[in-house]
PDB file of N, CA and C in Angstrom:
ATOM      1  N   MET A   1      52.863 136.620  17.970  1.00  0.00           N
ATOM      2  CA  MET A   1      52.223 135.378  18.417  1.00  0.00           C
ATOM      3  C   MET A   1      51.184 134.830  17.964  1.00  0.00           C
ATOM      4  N   ASN A   2      50.201 135.883  17.803  1.00  0.00           N
ATOM      5  CA  ASN A   2      49.194 135.838  16.700  1.00  0.00           C
ATOM      6  C   ASN A   2      49.478 134.892  15.506  1.00  0.00           C
ATOM      7  N   THR A   3      50.140 135.852  14.894  1.00  0.00           N
ATOM      8  CA  THR A   3      50.901 134.747  13.597  1.00  0.00           C
ATOM      9  C   THR A   3      51.199 133.677  13.870  1.00  0.00           C
ATOM     10  N   CYS A   4      52.137 133.326  14.492  1.00  0.00           N
ATOM     11  CA  CYS A   4      52.733 131.581  15.092  1.00  0.00           C
ATOM     12  C   CYS A   4      51.371 130.761  15.377  1.00  0.00           C
ATOM     13  N   PHE A   5      50.297 131.355  16.009  1.00  0.00           N
ATOM     14  CA  PHE A   5      49.515 130.597  16.528  1.00  0.00           C
ATOM     15  C   PHE A   5      48.468 130.176  15.024  1.00  0.00           C
ATOM     16  N   ARG A   6      48.429 131.104  14.392  1.00  0.00           N
ATOM     17  CA  ARG A   6      47.602 130.798  13.150  1.00  0.00           C
ATOM     18  C   ARG A   6      48.138 129.886  12.432  1.00  0.00           C
ATOM     19  N   SER A   7      49.727 129.871  12.065  1.00  0.00           N
ATOM     20  CA  SER A   7      50.711 129.304  11.581  1.00  0.00           C
ATOM     21  C   SER A   7      50.500 127.706  11.775  1.00  0.00           C
ATOM     22  N   GLY A   8      50.351 127.699  13.023  1.00  0.00           N
ATOM     23  CA  GLY A   8      50.340 126.149  13.685  1.00  0.00           C
ATOM     24  C   GLY A   8      49.137 125.768  13.369  1.00  0.00           C
ATOM     25  N   LEU A   9      48.018 126.473  13.610  1.00  0.00           N
ATOM     26  CA  LEU A   9      46.720 125.925  13.168  1.00  0.00           C
ATOM     27  C   LEU A   9      46.412 125.797  12.031  1.00  0.00           C
ATOM     28  N   GLY A  10      47.238 126.129  11.204  1.00  0.00           N
ATOM     29  CA  GLY A  10      47.042 126.072   9.892  1.00  0.00           C
ATOM     30  C   GLY A  10      47.830 124.580   9.320  1.00  0.00           C
ATOM     31  N   ALA A  11      49.039 124.866   9.956  1.00  0.00           N
ATOM     32  CA  ALA A  11      49.851 123.355   9.539  1.00  0.00           C
ATOM     33  C   ALA A  11      49.198 122.056  10.336  1.00  0.00           C
ATOM     34  N   LEU A  12      48.514 122.145  11.513  1.00  0.00           N
ATOM     35  CA  LEU A  12      47.759 121.191  12.053  1.00  0.00           C
ATOM     36  C   LEU A  12      46.441 120.670  11.235  1.00  0.00           C
ATOM     37  N   ALA A  13      45.917 121.613  10.508  1.00  0.00           N
ATOM     38  CA  ALA A  13      44.598 121.246   9.616  1.00  0.00           C
ATOM     39  C   ALA A  13      45.214 120.841   8.351  1.00  0.00           C
ATOM     40  N   LEU A  14      46.384 121.173   7.956  1.00  0.00           N
ATOM     41  CA  LEU A  14      46.800 120.464   6.749  1.00  0.00           C
ATOM     42  C   LEU A  14      47.155 119.000   7.022  1.00  0.00           C
ATOM     43  N   LEU A  15      47.812 118.584   7.898  1.00  0.00           N
ATOM     44  CA  LEU A  15      48.399 117.315   8.550  1.00  0.00           C
ATOM     45  C   LEU A  15      47.169 116.390   8.467  1.00  0.00           C
ATOM     46  N   ALA A  16      46.161 116.857   8.965  1.00  0.00           N
ATOM     47  CA  ALA A  16      44.742 116.234   9.445  1.00  0.00           C
ATOM     48  C   ALA A  16      44.056 115.995   7.804  1.00  0.00           C
ATOM     49  N   LEU A  17      44.139 117.012   7.170  1.00  0.00           N
ATOM     50  CA  LEU A  17      43.581 116.491   5.925  1.00  0.00           C
ATOM     51  C   LEU A  17      44.438 115.456   5.194  1.00  0.00           C
ATOM     52  N   ALA A  18      45.593 115.974   5.135  1.00  0.00           N
ATOM     53  CA  ALA A  18      46.668 114.817   4.568  1.00  0.00           C
ATOM     54  C   ALA A  18      46.618 113.425   5.035  1.00  0.00           C
ATOM     55  N   GLY A  19      46.302 113.280   6.267  1.00  0.00           N
ATOM     56  CA  GLY A  19      46.109 111.762   7.235  1.00  0.00           C
ATOM     57  C   GLY A  19      44.634 111.380   6.658  1.00  0.00           C
ATOM     58  N   CYS A  20      43.525 112.300   6.392  1.00  0.00           N
ATOM     59  CA  CYS A  20      42.499 111.699   5.954  1.00  0.00           C
ATOM     60  C   CYS A  20      42.607 111.126   4.556  1.00  0.00           C
ATOM     61  N   ALA A  21      43.248 111.876   3.522  1.00  0.00           N
ATOM     62  CA  ALA A  21      43.484 111.554   2.221  1.00  0.00           C
ATOM     63  C   ALA A  21      44.432 110.237   2.095  1.00  0.00           C
ATOM     64  N   SER A  22      44.897 109.897   2.771  1.00  0.00           N
ATOM     65  CA  SER A  22      45.767 108.734   2.761  1.00  0.00           C
ATOM     66  C   SER A  22      45.273 107.175   3.281  1.00  0.00           C
ATOM     67  N   GLY A  23      44.149 107.297   3.365  1.00  0.00           N
ATOM     68  CA  GLY A  23      43.214 106.178   3.688  1.00  0.00           C
ATOM     69  C   GLY A  23      43.241 104.970   3.081  1.00  0.00           C
ATOM     70  N   GLY A  24      44.000 105.226   1.708  1.00  0.00           N
ATOM     71  CA  GLY A  24      43.975 104.014   0.666  1.00  0.00           C
ATOM     72  C   GLY A  24      42.863 103.754  -0.112  1.00  0.00           C
ATOM     73  N   GLY A  25      41.479 104.524   0.088  1.00  0.00           N
ATOM     74  CA  GLY A  25      40.388 104.530  -0.941  1.00  0.00           C
ATOM     75  C   GLY A  25      39.399 103.199  -0.300  1.00  0.00           C
ATOM     76  N   VAL A  26      39.287 102.561  -1.446  1.00  0.00           N
ATOM     77  CA  VAL A  26      38.405 101.393  -1.387  1.00  0.00           C
ATOM     78  C   VAL A  26      38.686 100.381  -0.566  1.00  0.00           C
ATOM     79  N   ALA A  27      38.175  99.506  -0.016  1.00  0.00           N
ATOM     80  CA  ALA A  27      38.641  98.311   0.875  1.00  0.00           C
ATOM     81  C   ALA A  27      39.035  97.291   0.060  1.00  0.00           C
ATOM     82  N   SER A  28      40.028  96.397   0.038  1.00  0.00           N
ATOM     83  CA  SER A  28      40.458  95.757  -0.918  1.00  0.00           C
ATOM     84  C   SER A  28      39.960  94.103  -0.176  1.00  0.00           C
ATOM     85  N   VAL A  29      40.117  93.255  -0.922  1.00  0.00           N
ATOM     86  CA  VAL A  29      39.658  91.762  -0.583  1.00  0.00           C
ATOM     87  C   VAL A  29      41.225  91.050  -0.146  1.00  0.00           C
ATOM     88  N   PRO A  30      41.033  90.675   1.185  1.00  0.00           N
ATOM     89  CA  PRO A  30      42.396  90.044   1.319  1.00  0.00           C
ATOM     90  C   PRO A  30      42.710  88.786   0.316  1.00  0.00           C
ATOM     91  N   THR A  31      43.787  88.727   0.130  1.00  0.00           N
ATOM     92  CA  THR A  31      44.223  87.779  -0.809  1.00  0.00           C
ATOM     93  C   THR A  31      43.776  86.068  -0.442  1.00  0.00           C
ATOM     94  N   GLY A  32      43.626  85.806  -1.597  1.00  0.00           N
ATOM     95  CA  GLY A  32      42.886  84.075  -1.315  1.00  0.00           C
ATOM     96  C   GLY A  32      41.428  84.352  -1.280  1.00  0.00           C
ATOM     97  N   ASP A  33      40.823  85.333  -0.961  1.00  0.00           N
ATOM     98  CA  ASP A  33      39.345  85.234  -0.848  1.00  0.00           C
ATOM     99  C   ASP A  33      38.423  86.158  -2.378  1.00  0.00           C
ATOM    100  N   VAL A  34      37.332  85.018  -2.470  1.00  0.00           N
ATOM    101  CA  VAL A  34      36.532  85.696  -3.533  1.00  0.00           C
ATOM    102  C   VAL A  34      35.456  86.097  -2.980  1.00  0.00           C
ATOM    103  N   LEU A  35      34.811  87.264  -3.743  1.00  0.00           N
ATOM    104  CA  LEU A  35      33.484  87.595  -3.425  1.00  0.00           C
ATOM    105  C   LEU A  35      32.827  87.196  -4.282  1.00  0.00           C
ATOM    106  N   VAL A  36      31.193  86.547  -3.716  1.00  0.00           N
ATOM    107  CA  VAL A  36      30.145  86.115  -4.761  1.00  0.00           C
ATOM    108  C   VAL A  36      29.204  86.972  -4.359  1.00  0.00           C
ATOM    109  N   THR A  37      27.998  86.538  -5.131  1.00  0.00           N
ATOM    110  CA  THR A  37      26.647  86.955  -4.731  1.00  0.00           C
ATOM    111  C   THR A  37      26.194  85.960  -4.017  1.00  0.00           C
ATOM    112  N   ASP A  38      25.539  86.630  -2.506  1.00  0.00           N
ATOM    113  CA  ASP A  38      24.767  85.899  -1.596  1.00  0.00           C
ATOM    114  C   ASP A  38      23.305  85.561  -1.707  1.00  0.00           C
ATOM    115  N   THR A  39      23.005  84.302  -2.820  1.00  0.00           N
ATOM    116  CA  THR A  39      21.948  83.878  -3.583  1.00  0.00           C
ATOM    117  C   THR A  39      20.996  83.591  -2.392  1.00  0.00           C
ATOM    118  N   ALA A  40      21.591  83.013  -1.476  1.00  0.00           N
ATOM    119  CA  ALA A  40      20.561  82.515  -0.532  1.00  0.00           C
ATOM    120  C   ALA A  40      19.672  83.696   0.360  1.00  0.00           C
ATOM    121  N   TYR A  41      20.631  84.572   0.512  1.00  0.00           N
ATOM    122  CA  TYR A  41      20.048  85.624   0.952  1.00  0.00           C
ATOM    123  C   TYR A  41      19.296  86.447   0.295  1.00  0.00           C
ATOM    124  N   MET A  42      19.340  86.695  -1.016  1.00  0.00           N
ATOM    125  CA  MET A  42      18.541  87.598  -1.593  1.00  0.00           C
ATOM    126  C   MET A  42      16.849  86.727  -1.699  1.00  0.00           C
ATOM    127  N   ALA A  43      17.235  85.033  -1.693  1.00  0.00           N
ATOM    128  CA  ALA A  43      15.986  84.294  -1.837  1.00  0.00           C
ATOM    129  C   ALA A  43      15.258  84.752  -0.640  1.00  0.00           C
ATOM    130  N   ASN A  44      15.924  84.468   0.588  1.00  0.00           N
ATOM    131  CA  ASN A  44      15.132  84.714   1.475  1.00  0.00           C
ATOM    132  C   ASN A  44      14.488  86.043   1.460  1.00  0.00           C
ATOM    133  N   VAL A  45      15.003  87.378   1.261  1.00  0.00           N
ATOM    134  CA  VAL A  45      14.900  88.575   1.296  1.00  0.00           C
ATOM    135  C   VAL A  45      13.470  88.492   0.304  1.00  0.00           C
ATOM    136  N   GLU A  46      13.671  87.983  -0.994  1.00  0.00           N
ATOM    137  CA  GLU A  46      12.715  88.058  -1.951  1.00  0.00           C
ATOM    138  C   GLU A  46      11.423  87.493  -1.566  1.00  0.00           C
ATOM    139  N   GLU A  47      11.360  86.095  -0.994  1.00  0.00           N
ATOM    140  CA  GLU A  47      10.423  85.562  -0.296  1.00  0.00           C
ATOM    141  C   GLU A  47       9.533  86.462   0.777  1.00  0.00           C
ATOM    142  N   VAL A  48      10.204  86.634   1.613  1.00  0.00           N
ATOM    143  CA  VAL A  48       9.524  87.594   2.706  1.00  0.00           C
ATOM    144  C   VAL A  48       8.369  88.908   1.886  1.00  0.00           C
ATOM    145  N   ALA A  49       9.576  89.294   1.119  1.00  0.00           N
ATOM    146  CA  ALA A  49       8.750  90.709   0.326  1.00  0.00           C
ATOM    147  C   ALA A  49       7.437  90.082  -0.520  1.00  0.00           C
ATOM    148  N   ARG A  50       7.703  89.038  -1.120  1.00  0.00           N
ATOM    149  CA  ARG A  50       6.563  88.663  -1.822  1.00  0.00           C
ATOM    150  C   ARG A  50       5.573  87.955  -0.847  1.00  0.00           C
ATOM    151  N   ARG A  51       5.321  87.781   0.322  1.00  0.00           N
ATOM    152  CA  ARG A  51       4.376  87.452   0.985  1.00  0.00           C
ATOM    153  C   ARG A  51       3.734  88.779   1.580  1.00  0.00           C
ATOM    154  N   ARG A  52       4.748  89.820   1.381  1.00  0.00           N
ATOM    155  CA  ARG A  52       4.242  91.169   2.095  1.00  0.00           C
ATOM    156  C   ARG A  52       3.571  92.106   0.886  1.00  0.00           C
ATOM    157  N   GLY A  53       3.888  91.252  -0.282  1.00  0.00           N
ATOM    158  CA  GLY A  53       3.280  92.166  -1.481  1.00  0.00           C
ATOM    159  C   GLY A  53       4.216  93.227  -1.965  1.00  0.00           C
ATOM    160  N   VAL A  54       5.513  93.273  -1.768  1.00  0.00           N
ATOM    161  CA  VAL A  54       6.560  94.286  -1.941  1.00  0.00           C
ATOM    162  C   VAL A  54       7.389  93.481  -2.936  1.00  0.00           C
ATOM    163  N   ASP A  55       7.770  94.710  -3.980  1.00  0.00           N
ATOM    164  CA  ASP A  55       8.789  94.155  -5.033  1.00  0.00           C
ATOM    165  C   ASP A  55       9.935  94.360  -4.449  1.00  0.00           C
ATOM    166  N   VAL A  56      11.070  93.713  -4.933  1.00  0.00           N
ATOM    167  CA  VAL A  56      12.229  94.133  -4.670  1.00  0.00           C
ATOM    168  C   VAL A  56      13.032  94.116  -5.834  1.00  0.00           C
ATOM    169  N   GLN A  57      13.994  95.480  -5.990  1.00  0.00           N
ATOM    170  CA  GLN A  57      14.746  95.428  -6.980  1.00  0.00           C
ATOM    171  C   GLN A  57      16.074  95.576  -6.340  1.00  0.00           C
ATOM    172  N   TRP A  58      17.126  95.033  -6.568  1.00  0.00           N
ATOM    173  CA  TRP A  58      18.403  94.852  -6.156  1.00  0.00           C
ATOM    174  C   TRP A  58      19.071  95.744  -6.936  1.00  0.00           C
ATOM    175  N   ILE A  59      19.794  96.832  -5.990  1.00  0.00           N
ATOM    176  CA  ILE A  59      20.844  97.770  -6.672  1.00  0.00           C
ATOM    177  C   ILE A  59      22.303  97.296  -6.498  1.00  0.00           C
ATOM    178  N   ALA A  60      22.363  97.201  -5.324  1.00  0.00           N
ATOM    179  CA  ALA A  60      23.799  96.383  -4.897  1.00  0.00           C
ATOM    180  C   ALA A  60      23.740  95.144  -4.226  1.00  0.00           C
ATOM    181  N   PRO A  61      23.551  93.950  -5.096  1.00  0.00           N
ATOM    182  CA  PRO A  61      23.238  92.619  -4.645  1.00  0.00           C
ATOM    183  C   PRO A  61      24.367  92.455  -3.565  1.00  0.00           C
ATOM    184  N   PRO A  62      23.763  91.850  -2.294  1.00  0.00           N
ATOM    185  CA  PRO A  62      24.722  91.495  -1.009  1.00  0.00           C
ATOM    186  C   PRO A  62      25.682  90.387  -1.730  1.00  0.00           C
ATOM    187  N   LEU A  63      27.024  90.683  -0.777  1.00  0.00           N
ATOM    188  CA  LEU A  63      27.832  89.719  -1.453  1.00  0.00           C
ATOM    189  C   LEU A  63      28.499  89.039  -0.026  1.00  0.00           C
ATOM    190  N   LYS A  64      29.029  87.732  -0.267  1.00  0.00           N
ATOM    191  CA  LYS A  64      29.910  86.998   0.566  1.00  0.00           C
ATOM    192  C   LYS A  64      31.031  86.808   0.177  1.00  0.00           C
ATOM    193  N   ARG A  65      31.636  86.454   1.296  1.00  0.00           N
ATOM    194  CA  ARG A  65      33.151  86.352   0.988  1.00  0.00           C
ATOM    195  C   ARG A  65      33.536  84.504   0.990  1.00  0.00           C
ATOM    196  N   LEU A  66      34.154  84.176  -0.029  1.00  0.00           N
ATOM    197  CA  LEU A  66      34.486  82.669   0.348  1.00  0.00           C
ATOM    198  C   LEU A  66      36.072  82.576   0.037  1.00  0.00           C
ATOM    199  N   PRO A  67      36.596  81.320   0.662  1.00  0.00           N
ATOM    200  CA  PRO A  67      37.933  81.209   0.394  1.00  0.00           C
ATOM    201  C   PRO A  67      38.169  80.665  -1.022  1.00  0.00           C
ATOM    202  N   ARG A  68      39.415  81.348  -1.405  1.00  0.00           N
ATOM    203  CA  ARG A  68      39.521  80.870  -3.209  1.00  0.00           C
ATOM    204  C   ARG A  68      39.535  79.520  -3.284  1.00  0.00           C
ATOM    205  N   GLY A  69      39.050  78.970  -4.248  1.00  0.00           N
ATOM    206  CA  GLY A  69      39.008  77.604  -4.311  1.00  0.00           C
ATOM    207  C   GLY A  69      37.675  76.614  -3.624  1.00  0.00           C
ATOM    208  N   SER A  70      37.069  77.184  -2.844  1.00  0.00           N
ATOM    209  CA  SER A  70      36.016  76.396  -2.377  1.00  0.00           C
ATOM    210  C   SER A  70      34.509  76.856  -3.275  1.00  0.00           C
ATOM    211  N   ALA A  71      34.010  75.761  -3.208  1.00  0.00           N
ATOM    212  CA  ALA A  71      32.473  75.967  -3.872  1.00  0.00           C
ATOM    213  C   ALA A  71      31.685  76.792  -3.136  1.00  0.00           C
ATOM    214  N   GLN A  72      30.593  77.391  -3.892  1.00  0.00           N
ATOM    215  CA  GLN A  72      29.475  77.841  -3.431  1.00  0.00           C
ATOM    216  C   GLN A  72      28.528  77.396  -2.766  1.00  0.00           C
TER     217      GLN A  72
END
């Protein structure tokens, strides 16, 4: 009984790990959409930071999603 329980528990753990591993990785952009840098948001944040005497350095600039073919 104890061996059967351990085997079942091990199989359950393997299934859980396999389920986590098959998540697909990085989320992709839906077809037809384009990611562009959100310059308006960046300008607003930098303006507030400048007034407060803070220097902003963007490591990962914010992105916004636009439908393909639309102007920024």
